[in-house]
Amino acid sequence: MDIAQLDPIIEESLGRFYREVLLSAWHGREHEMVSLFVLRYLVRHCYPHGPLHLTQIGIDVGVKQLKAPKPGNKKGPRKDVQKDLVLWPEPNGNLWTPDRQVLNEPLAVMEWKLVHGTAKQQLEEYEYDKYWLQETAQRIGANFRGYAVLVNTRTPRTLTCATIIFGQHTHEVFTTTPP
């Protein structure tokens, strides 16, 4: 998949997700939102000879972790970390080599945060997600996209997506609120 094809797919899928799910009475947790987003909206772009193959998508799968530990992590960094949604460059992709070494890099990582009730912790985690994606983009290079999604389920419901591109700062590229 050409990385340039990915941004319009993500933007269209998030827009439909927002209009059809967040503006409805539907409620769920972060994992349910990610699953619904993938299975109802992202898979529409998966077909033979299409831009995206179904087996390029991983939900809650491992990717290479940053060398520096996350603030507050007393255990120290691990080799890998689970991310909400990962797109691999090729079908059947994953992090591991046949001898269980951490090697392969993703095409894209999408991290979701759901704000409900008190938002302080989720907003801090959203800021860390953007940092993590920026550092990963610097390591991987131009053939990587990071998406940090923030869903606010309080009234009015909003969805914000920051896109992280190699060599550029984080840009809020998709924010939508009710009419």
N, C-alpha and C. Protein backbone atom coordinates (compact mmCIF):
# COMPACT_ATOMS: atom_id res chain seq x y z
N MET A 1 0.84 -1.18 0.00
CA MET A 1 0.00 0.00 0.00
C MET A 1 0.89 1.24 0.00
N ASP A 2 0.55 2.19 -0.83
CA ASP A 2 1.23 3.48 -0.88
C ASP A 2 0.74 4.32 0.31
N ILE A 3 1.65 4.84 1.09
CA ILE A 3 1.31 5.60 2.29
C ILE A 3 0.41 6.79 1.97
N ALA A 4 0.53 7.37 0.79
CA ALA A 4 -0.29 8.52 0.40
C ALA A 4 -1.77 8.14 0.29
N GLN A 5 -2.06 6.87 0.06
CA GLN A 5 -3.46 6.42 -0.04
C GLN A 5 -4.12 6.31 1.33
N LEU A 6 -3.32 6.25 2.38
CA LEU A 6 -3.86 5.95 3.69
C LEU A 6 -4.64 7.11 4.32
N ASP A 7 -4.14 8.34 4.24
CA ASP A 7 -4.81 9.47 4.89
C ASP A 7 -6.27 9.63 4.44
N PRO A 8 -6.58 9.59 3.14
CA PRO A 8 -7.99 9.72 2.75
C PRO A 8 -8.86 8.55 3.25
N ILE A 9 -8.29 7.36 3.32
CA ILE A 9 -9.04 6.21 3.84
C ILE A 9 -9.37 6.42 5.31
N ILE A 10 -8.40 6.84 6.08
CA ILE A 10 -8.62 7.06 7.51
C ILE A 10 -9.62 8.20 7.72
N GLU A 11 -9.43 9.30 7.00
CA GLU A 11 -10.33 10.44 7.18
C GLU A 11 -11.77 10.09 6.82
N GLU A 12 -11.97 9.39 5.71
CA GLU A 12 -13.32 9.00 5.31
C GLU A 12 -13.93 8.04 6.33
N SER A 13 -13.15 7.08 6.79
CA SER A 13 -13.64 6.09 7.75
C SER A 13 -13.99 6.74 9.08
N LEU A 14 -13.13 7.65 9.57
CA LEU A 14 -13.44 8.34 10.82
C LEU A 14 -14.66 9.24 10.69
N GLY A 15 -14.82 9.89 9.54
CA GLY A 15 -16.00 10.74 9.32
C GLY A 15 -17.28 9.94 9.37
N ARG A 16 -17.29 8.79 8.71
CA ARG A 16 -18.50 7.94 8.74
C ARG A 16 -18.74 7.40 10.15
N PHE A 17 -17.67 6.98 10.82
CA PHE A 17 -17.79 6.49 12.19
C PHE A 17 -18.43 7.57 13.06
N TYR A 18 -17.96 8.79 12.94
CA TYR A 18 -18.50 9.88 13.75
C TYR A 18 -19.97 10.11 13.45
N ARG A 19 -20.32 10.26 12.18
CA ARG A 19 -21.69 10.58 11.81
C ARG A 19 -22.67 9.45 12.15
N GLU A 20 -22.25 8.20 11.94
CA GLU A 20 -23.17 7.08 12.11
C GLU A 20 -23.17 6.49 13.52
N VAL A 21 -22.08 6.66 14.26
CA VAL A 21 -21.99 6.04 15.58
C VAL A 21 -22.03 7.08 16.69
N LEU A 22 -21.13 8.06 16.64
CA LEU A 22 -21.06 9.00 17.76
C LEU A 22 -22.25 9.95 17.82
N LEU A 23 -22.89 10.21 16.70
CA LEU A 23 -24.07 11.06 16.73
C LEU A 23 -25.34 10.26 17.00
N SER A 24 -25.19 8.96 17.22
CA SER A 24 -26.33 8.11 17.57
C SER A 24 -26.33 7.89 19.08
N ALA A 25 -27.22 7.05 19.55
CA ALA A 25 -27.30 6.74 20.97
C ALA A 25 -26.32 5.64 21.38
N TRP A 26 -25.49 5.17 20.44
CA TRP A 26 -24.56 4.07 20.72
C TRP A 26 -23.56 4.49 21.80
N HIS A 27 -23.27 3.54 22.71
CA HIS A 27 -22.26 3.76 23.75
C HIS A 27 -21.40 2.52 23.85
N GLY A 28 -20.14 2.72 24.12
CA GLY A 28 -19.22 1.61 24.32
C GLY A 28 -17.91 2.12 24.87
N ARG A 29 -17.05 1.19 25.20
CA ARG A 29 -15.72 1.54 25.70
C ARG A 29 -14.75 1.66 24.53
N GLU A 30 -13.50 1.99 24.85
CA GLU A 30 -12.48 2.19 23.83
C GLU A 30 -12.31 0.97 22.94
N HIS A 31 -12.19 -0.21 23.53
CA HIS A 31 -11.99 -1.43 22.73
C HIS A 31 -13.16 -1.69 21.78
N GLU A 32 -14.37 -1.44 22.26
CA GLU A 32 -15.54 -1.63 21.38
C GLU A 32 -15.54 -0.63 20.24
N MET A 33 -15.09 0.61 20.52
CA MET A 33 -15.02 1.62 19.45
C MET A 33 -14.00 1.23 18.40
N VAL A 34 -12.83 0.79 18.82
CA VAL A 34 -11.80 0.39 17.87
C VAL A 34 -12.29 -0.77 17.02
N SER A 35 -12.88 -1.76 17.67
CA SER A 35 -13.39 -2.92 16.95
C SER A 35 -14.46 -2.52 15.94
N LEU A 36 -15.41 -1.69 16.36
CA LEU A 36 -16.47 -1.24 15.46
C LEU A 36 -15.89 -0.43 14.31
N PHE A 37 -14.94 0.46 14.60
CA PHE A 37 -14.31 1.26 13.56
C PHE A 37 -13.68 0.37 12.50
N VAL A 38 -12.95 -0.63 12.93
CA VAL A 38 -12.27 -1.53 11.98
C VAL A 38 -13.29 -2.36 11.21
N LEU A 39 -14.19 -3.02 11.93
CA LEU A 39 -15.06 -4.00 11.29
C LEU A 39 -16.19 -3.39 10.47
N ARG A 40 -16.56 -2.16 10.75
CA ARG A 40 -17.65 -1.55 9.98
C ARG A 40 -17.16 -0.50 8.98
N TYR A 41 -16.07 0.18 9.27
CA TYR A 41 -15.66 1.31 8.44
C TYR A 41 -14.36 1.08 7.69
N LEU A 42 -13.34 0.60 8.36
CA LEU A 42 -12.05 0.42 7.70
C LEU A 42 -12.08 -0.75 6.71
N VAL A 43 -12.79 -1.83 7.04
CA VAL A 43 -12.81 -2.99 6.14
C VAL A 43 -13.49 -2.69 4.81
N ARG A 44 -14.23 -1.62 4.71
CA ARG A 44 -14.84 -1.24 3.43
C ARG A 44 -13.77 -0.97 2.37
N HIS A 45 -12.55 -0.71 2.81
CA HIS A 45 -11.45 -0.41 1.90
C HIS A 45 -10.58 -1.63 1.64
N CYS A 46 -10.99 -2.78 2.16
CA CYS A 46 -10.23 -4.03 2.00
C CYS A 46 -10.92 -4.91 0.98
N TYR A 47 -10.26 -5.11 -0.14
CA TYR A 47 -10.79 -6.01 -1.16
C TYR A 47 -9.63 -6.42 -2.06
N PRO A 48 -9.80 -7.54 -2.77
CA PRO A 48 -8.70 -7.99 -3.65
C PRO A 48 -8.29 -6.87 -4.61
N HIS A 49 -7.02 -6.66 -4.72
CA HIS A 49 -6.44 -5.64 -5.60
C HIS A 49 -6.79 -4.22 -5.16
N GLY A 50 -7.30 -4.06 -3.93
CA GLY A 50 -7.60 -2.73 -3.39
C GLY A 50 -6.40 -2.17 -2.65
N PRO A 51 -6.55 -1.00 -2.10
CA PRO A 51 -5.43 -0.36 -1.43
C PRO A 51 -5.04 -1.02 -0.10
N LEU A 52 -5.95 -1.77 0.49
CA LEU A 52 -5.72 -2.33 1.81
C LEU A 52 -6.24 -3.76 1.84
N HIS A 53 -5.43 -4.67 2.38
CA HIS A 53 -5.82 -6.07 2.51
C HIS A 53 -6.23 -6.31 3.96
N LEU A 54 -7.25 -7.10 4.17
CA LEU A 54 -7.78 -7.35 5.50
C LEU A 54 -6.71 -7.83 6.47
N THR A 55 -5.77 -8.66 6.01
CA THR A 55 -4.76 -9.19 6.93
C THR A 55 -3.61 -8.23 7.20
N GLN A 56 -3.71 -7.00 6.69
CA GLN A 56 -2.75 -5.96 7.08
C GLN A 56 -3.16 -5.30 8.40
N ILE A 57 -4.40 -5.54 8.83
CA ILE A 57 -4.96 -4.88 10.01
C ILE A 57 -4.75 -5.75 11.25
N GLY A 58 -4.24 -5.13 12.30
CA GLY A 58 -4.13 -5.79 13.59
C GLY A 58 -4.80 -4.94 14.66
N ILE A 59 -5.61 -5.57 15.49
CA ILE A 59 -6.26 -4.88 16.61
C ILE A 59 -5.57 -5.34 17.89
N ASP A 60 -5.07 -4.38 18.68
CA ASP A 60 -4.40 -4.66 19.94
C ASP A 60 -3.24 -5.64 19.76
N VAL A 61 -2.31 -5.27 18.86
CA VAL A 61 -1.15 -6.11 18.57
C VAL A 61 0.14 -5.37 18.91
N GLY A 62 1.22 -6.12 19.00
CA GLY A 62 2.51 -5.57 19.40
C GLY A 62 3.24 -4.85 18.29
N VAL A 63 3.92 -3.77 18.68
CA VAL A 63 4.85 -3.05 17.83
C VAL A 63 6.08 -2.74 18.69
N LYS A 64 7.15 -2.29 18.03
CA LYS A 64 8.39 -1.97 18.74
C LYS A 64 8.17 -0.80 19.69
N GLN A 65 8.65 -0.96 20.91
CA GLN A 65 8.51 0.08 21.93
C GLN A 65 9.65 1.09 21.82
N LEU A 66 9.40 2.29 22.34
CA LEU A 66 10.45 3.29 22.42
C LEU A 66 11.53 2.82 23.40
N LYS A 67 12.73 3.34 23.24
CA LYS A 67 13.82 2.96 24.15
C LYS A 67 13.62 3.54 25.54
N ALA A 68 13.12 4.75 25.64
CA ALA A 68 12.88 5.39 26.94
C ALA A 68 11.56 4.88 27.51
N PRO A 69 11.53 4.58 28.80
CA PRO A 69 10.28 4.12 29.40
C PRO A 69 9.24 5.23 29.47
N LYS A 70 7.98 4.83 29.48
CA LYS A 70 6.88 5.78 29.65
C LYS A 70 6.99 6.39 31.05
N PRO A 71 6.75 7.70 31.17
CA PRO A 71 6.81 8.31 32.50
C PRO A 71 5.92 7.55 33.50
N GLY A 72 6.50 7.27 34.66
CA GLY A 72 5.77 6.53 35.68
C GLY A 72 5.94 5.02 35.60
N ASN A 73 6.59 4.54 34.52
CA ASN A 73 6.81 3.10 34.37
C ASN A 73 8.04 2.71 35.19
N LYS A 74 7.83 1.96 36.24
CA LYS A 74 8.92 1.57 37.13
C LYS A 74 9.64 0.32 36.65
N LYS A 75 9.05 -0.41 35.72
CA LYS A 75 9.65 -1.66 35.23
C LYS A 75 10.71 -1.42 34.17
N GLY A 76 10.69 -0.27 33.52
CA GLY A 76 11.63 -0.02 32.42
C GLY A 76 11.01 -0.43 31.09
N PRO A 77 11.68 -0.07 30.00
CA PRO A 77 11.10 -0.34 28.68
C PRO A 77 11.12 -1.83 28.33
N ARG A 78 10.12 -2.22 27.58
CA ARG A 78 10.05 -3.57 27.02
C ARG A 78 10.41 -3.48 25.54
N LYS A 79 10.60 -4.62 24.91
CA LYS A 79 10.89 -4.63 23.47
C LYS A 79 9.66 -4.25 22.66
N ASP A 80 8.49 -4.62 23.16
CA ASP A 80 7.27 -4.37 22.40
C ASP A 80 6.20 -3.77 23.29
N VAL A 81 5.17 -3.21 22.64
CA VAL A 81 4.04 -2.61 23.33
C VAL A 81 2.80 -2.85 22.47
N GLN A 82 1.66 -3.05 23.11
CA GLN A 82 0.40 -3.26 22.39
C GLN A 82 -0.16 -1.90 21.96
N LYS A 83 -0.64 -1.84 20.72
CA LYS A 83 -1.28 -0.63 20.21
C LYS A 83 -2.67 -0.99 19.70
N ASP A 84 -3.58 0.00 19.76
CA ASP A 84 -4.99 -0.25 19.46
C ASP A 84 -5.22 -0.78 18.05
N LEU A 85 -4.64 -0.11 17.07
CA LEU A 85 -4.85 -0.49 15.67
C LEU A 85 -3.53 -0.33 14.93
N VAL A 86 -3.10 -1.39 14.27
CA VAL A 86 -1.83 -1.38 13.54
C VAL A 86 -2.10 -1.83 12.11
N LEU A 87 -1.52 -1.11 11.16
CA LEU A 87 -1.58 -1.50 9.75
C LEU A 87 -0.16 -1.87 9.32
N TRP A 88 -0.01 -3.07 8.79
CA TRP A 88 1.30 -3.56 8.35
C TRP A 88 1.48 -3.28 6.87
N PRO A 89 2.71 -3.12 6.40
CA PRO A 89 2.95 -2.81 4.98
C PRO A 89 2.47 -3.91 4.03
N GLU A 90 2.49 -5.16 4.50
CA GLU A 90 2.12 -6.30 3.66
C GLU A 90 1.06 -7.15 4.35
N PRO A 91 0.26 -7.89 3.59
CA PRO A 91 -0.68 -8.82 4.21
C PRO A 91 0.05 -9.82 5.13
N ASN A 92 -0.64 -10.25 6.15
CA ASN A 92 -0.13 -11.22 7.14
C ASN A 92 1.04 -10.68 7.95
N GLY A 93 1.19 -9.39 8.02
CA GLY A 93 2.31 -8.79 8.73
C GLY A 93 2.15 -8.83 10.23
N ASN A 94 3.29 -8.80 10.91
CA ASN A 94 3.34 -8.64 12.36
C ASN A 94 4.75 -8.21 12.76
N LEU A 95 4.96 -8.05 14.03
CA LEU A 95 6.22 -7.54 14.57
C LEU A 95 7.37 -8.53 14.50
N TRP A 96 7.08 -9.80 14.53
CA TRP A 96 8.07 -10.83 14.84
C TRP A 96 8.73 -11.47 13.63
N THR A 97 10.00 -11.87 13.82
CA THR A 97 10.71 -12.69 12.85
C THR A 97 10.44 -14.15 13.20
N PRO A 98 10.80 -15.10 12.32
CA PRO A 98 10.56 -16.51 12.64
C PRO A 98 11.25 -16.97 13.94
N ASP A 99 12.36 -16.34 14.32
CA ASP A 99 13.04 -16.73 15.56
C ASP A 99 12.64 -15.84 16.75
N ARG A 100 11.46 -15.22 16.66
CA ARG A 100 10.83 -14.44 17.73
C ARG A 100 11.61 -13.17 18.10
N GLN A 101 12.27 -12.59 17.14
CA GLN A 101 12.95 -11.31 17.36
C GLN A 101 12.02 -10.17 16.93
N VAL A 102 12.14 -9.04 17.61
CA VAL A 102 11.38 -7.84 17.27
C VAL A 102 12.07 -7.19 16.08
N LEU A 103 11.37 -7.10 14.95
CA LEU A 103 12.03 -6.56 13.76
C LEU A 103 11.11 -5.69 12.91
N ASN A 104 9.98 -6.21 12.50
CA ASN A 104 9.17 -5.57 11.47
C ASN A 104 8.52 -4.28 11.98
N GLU A 105 8.45 -3.30 11.09
CA GLU A 105 7.87 -2.00 11.41
C GLU A 105 6.50 -1.86 10.75
N PRO A 106 5.56 -1.21 11.42
CA PRO A 106 4.23 -1.01 10.85
C PRO A 106 4.20 0.11 9.81
N LEU A 107 3.19 0.08 8.98
CA LEU A 107 2.90 1.16 8.06
C LEU A 107 2.22 2.31 8.82
N ALA A 108 1.35 1.94 9.75
CA ALA A 108 0.61 2.95 10.53
C ALA A 108 0.23 2.38 11.89
N VAL A 109 0.11 3.28 12.86
CA VAL A 109 -0.40 2.94 14.19
C VAL A 109 -1.46 3.97 14.53
N MET A 110 -2.60 3.48 15.04
CA MET A 110 -3.68 4.36 15.47
C MET A 110 -3.96 4.06 16.94
N GLU A 111 -3.80 5.08 17.76
CA GLU A 111 -4.09 4.96 19.19
C GLU A 111 -5.35 5.75 19.50
N TRP A 112 -6.25 5.17 20.26
CA TRP A 112 -7.53 5.78 20.63
C TRP A 112 -7.56 6.10 22.11
N LYS A 113 -8.16 7.21 22.44
CA LYS A 113 -8.47 7.55 23.82
C LYS A 113 -9.92 8.01 23.86
N LEU A 114 -10.62 7.54 24.87
CA LEU A 114 -12.03 7.85 25.05
C LEU A 114 -12.18 8.72 26.29
N VAL A 115 -12.76 9.90 26.14
CA VAL A 115 -12.97 10.81 27.25
C VAL A 115 -14.42 10.69 27.70
N HIS A 116 -14.57 10.35 28.96
CA HIS A 116 -15.89 10.32 29.59
C HIS A 116 -15.69 10.73 31.04
N GLY A 117 -16.59 11.45 31.60
CA GLY A 117 -16.39 11.90 32.98
C GLY A 117 -15.21 12.84 33.08
N THR A 118 -14.36 12.63 34.09
CA THR A 118 -13.18 13.45 34.28
C THR A 118 -12.17 13.15 33.18
N ALA A 119 -11.71 14.16 32.48
CA ALA A 119 -10.91 13.96 31.28
C ALA A 119 -9.40 14.07 31.50
N LYS A 120 -8.94 14.47 32.67
CA LYS A 120 -7.53 14.78 32.86
C LYS A 120 -6.61 13.63 32.46
N GLN A 121 -6.85 12.44 32.97
CA GLN A 121 -5.97 11.30 32.68
C GLN A 121 -6.00 10.94 31.19
N GLN A 122 -7.18 10.91 30.58
CA GLN A 122 -7.27 10.57 29.16
C GLN A 122 -6.56 11.60 28.30
N LEU A 123 -6.65 12.87 28.66
CA LEU A 123 -5.97 13.91 27.88
C LEU A 123 -4.46 13.79 28.03
N GLU A 124 -3.97 13.45 29.21
CA GLU A 124 -2.54 13.22 29.40
C GLU A 124 -2.08 12.03 28.57
N GLU A 125 -2.86 10.97 28.55
CA GLU A 125 -2.52 9.79 27.76
C GLU A 125 -2.56 10.10 26.26
N TYR A 126 -3.51 10.93 25.85
CA TYR A 126 -3.58 11.35 24.44
C TYR A 126 -2.32 12.12 24.05
N GLU A 127 -1.85 13.00 24.93
CA GLU A 127 -0.61 13.75 24.66
C GLU A 127 0.59 12.79 24.58
N TYR A 128 0.61 11.78 25.46
CA TYR A 128 1.69 10.79 25.39
C TYR A 128 1.59 9.98 24.09
N ASP A 129 0.38 9.62 23.67
CA ASP A 129 0.21 8.90 22.40
C ASP A 129 0.82 9.68 21.25
N LYS A 130 0.57 11.00 21.21
CA LYS A 130 1.14 11.83 20.14
C LYS A 130 2.66 11.83 20.22
N TYR A 131 3.20 11.93 21.42
CA TYR A 131 4.66 11.88 21.59
C TYR A 131 5.20 10.54 21.10
N TRP A 132 4.56 9.44 21.52
CA TRP A 132 5.01 8.10 21.13
C TRP A 132 4.98 7.96 19.61
N LEU A 133 3.93 8.44 18.99
CA LEU A 133 3.81 8.34 17.53
C LEU A 133 4.85 9.21 16.83
N GLN A 134 5.15 10.39 17.37
CA GLN A 134 6.19 11.25 16.78
C GLN A 134 7.55 10.57 16.85
N GLU A 135 7.88 9.99 17.98
CA GLU A 135 9.16 9.30 18.13
C GLU A 135 9.24 8.10 17.19
N THR A 136 8.16 7.37 17.06
CA THR A 136 8.12 6.21 16.17
C THR A 136 8.25 6.66 14.71
N ALA A 137 7.58 7.76 14.36
CA ALA A 137 7.68 8.29 12.99
C ALA A 137 9.12 8.70 12.68
N GLN A 138 9.81 9.28 13.64
CA GLN A 138 11.21 9.65 13.43
C GLN A 138 12.07 8.41 13.18
N ARG A 139 11.79 7.32 13.91
CA ARG A 139 12.57 6.10 13.76
C ARG A 139 12.29 5.41 12.42
N ILE A 140 11.02 5.31 12.05
CA ILE A 140 10.66 4.55 10.85
C ILE A 140 10.90 5.37 9.58
N GLY A 141 10.52 6.64 9.60
CA GLY A 141 10.73 7.47 8.43
C GLY A 141 9.46 7.81 7.68
N ALA A 142 9.62 8.19 6.43
CA ALA A 142 8.54 8.74 5.63
C ALA A 142 7.44 7.74 5.30
N ASN A 143 7.71 6.46 5.41
CA ASN A 143 6.69 5.46 5.06
C ASN A 143 5.93 5.00 6.30
N PHE A 144 5.55 5.97 7.15
CA PHE A 144 4.80 5.67 8.37
C PHE A 144 3.82 6.79 8.65
N ARG A 145 2.64 6.44 9.15
CA ARG A 145 1.67 7.41 9.64
C ARG A 145 1.27 7.01 11.05
N GLY A 146 1.12 8.01 11.89
CA GLY A 146 0.58 7.80 13.23
C GLY A 146 -0.71 8.59 13.34
N TYR A 147 -1.69 8.00 13.97
CA TYR A 147 -2.98 8.66 14.18
C TYR A 147 -3.33 8.56 15.66
N ALA A 148 -3.50 9.69 16.31
CA ALA A 148 -3.93 9.73 17.70
C ALA A 148 -5.37 10.23 17.70
N VAL A 149 -6.28 9.35 18.10
CA VAL A 149 -7.70 9.65 18.05
C VAL A 149 -8.20 9.92 19.46
N LEU A 150 -8.92 11.03 19.62
CA LEU A 150 -9.51 11.40 20.89
C LEU A 150 -11.02 11.51 20.69
N VAL A 151 -11.76 10.64 21.37
CA VAL A 151 -13.21 10.64 21.28
C VAL A 151 -13.77 11.16 22.59
N ASN A 152 -14.54 12.23 22.51
CA ASN A 152 -15.18 12.81 23.69
C ASN A 152 -16.65 12.40 23.64
N THR A 153 -17.08 11.60 24.61
CA THR A 153 -18.46 11.12 24.62
C THR A 153 -19.38 12.02 25.44
N ARG A 154 -18.80 13.09 26.01
CA ARG A 154 -19.64 14.05 26.73
C ARG A 154 -20.30 14.97 25.70
N THR A 155 -21.37 15.62 26.07
CA THR A 155 -22.08 16.50 25.15
C THR A 155 -21.36 17.83 25.04
N PRO A 156 -21.10 18.33 23.83
CA PRO A 156 -21.33 17.66 22.55
C PRO A 156 -20.23 16.63 22.27
N ARG A 157 -20.61 15.55 21.64
CA ARG A 157 -19.65 14.51 21.29
C ARG A 157 -18.73 15.02 20.19
N THR A 158 -17.44 14.77 20.37
CA THR A 158 -16.46 15.21 19.37
C THR A 158 -15.48 14.08 19.09
N LEU A 159 -14.86 14.15 17.94
CA LEU A 159 -13.80 13.23 17.55
C LEU A 159 -12.69 14.07 16.95
N THR A 160 -11.49 13.91 17.49
CA THR A 160 -10.32 14.63 16.99
C THR A 160 -9.26 13.60 16.61
N CYS A 161 -8.61 13.80 15.48
CA CYS A 161 -7.54 12.91 15.06
C CYS A 161 -6.31 13.75 14.71
N ALA A 162 -5.21 13.48 15.40
CA ALA A 162 -3.94 14.11 15.08
C ALA A 162 -3.17 13.15 14.20
N THR A 163 -2.71 13.63 13.06
CA THR A 163 -1.91 12.81 12.15
C THR A 163 -0.45 13.15 12.33
N ILE A 164 0.37 12.13 12.50
CA ILE A 164 1.80 12.33 12.71
C ILE A 164 2.52 11.83 11.47
N ILE A 165 3.29 12.73 10.86
CA ILE A 165 4.01 12.44 9.63
C ILE A 165 5.49 12.71 9.87
N PHE A 166 6.34 11.86 9.36
CA PHE A 166 7.79 12.01 9.51
C PHE A 166 8.24 13.41 9.10
N GLY A 167 9.06 14.01 9.95
CA GLY A 167 9.62 15.31 9.62
C GLY A 167 8.69 16.47 9.87
N GLN A 168 7.47 16.22 10.35
CA GLN A 168 6.53 17.30 10.61
C GLN A 168 6.00 17.16 12.03
N HIS A 169 5.51 18.26 12.54
CA HIS A 169 4.89 18.24 13.86
C HIS A 169 3.50 17.63 13.74
N THR A 170 2.94 17.34 14.89
CA THR A 170 1.58 16.82 14.94
C THR A 170 0.61 17.90 14.47
N HIS A 171 -0.33 17.51 13.64
CA HIS A 171 -1.35 18.44 13.16
C HIS A 171 -2.72 17.86 13.47
N GLU A 172 -3.59 18.68 14.02
CA GLU A 172 -4.97 18.26 14.22
C GLU A 172 -5.63 18.38 12.85
N VAL A 173 -5.93 17.24 12.24
CA VAL A 173 -6.43 17.28 10.88
C VAL A 173 -7.89 16.90 10.74
N PHE A 174 -8.47 16.36 11.79
CA PHE A 174 -9.85 15.92 11.66
C PHE A 174 -10.56 16.15 12.98
N THR A 175 -11.33 17.19 13.04
CA THR A 175 -12.14 17.44 14.22
C THR A 175 -13.54 17.68 13.72
N THR A 176 -14.48 17.05 14.36
CA THR A 176 -15.86 17.26 13.95
C THR A 176 -16.74 17.37 15.19
N THR A 177 -17.73 18.22 15.11
CA THR A 177 -18.68 18.38 16.19
C THR A 177 -20.07 18.37 15.58
N PRO A 178 -21.09 18.18 16.38
CA PRO A 178 -22.44 18.13 15.82
C PRO A 178 -22.83 19.44 15.16
N PRO A 179 -23.74 19.39 14.17
CA PRO A 179 -24.19 20.61 13.50
C PRO A 179 -24.94 21.53 14.44
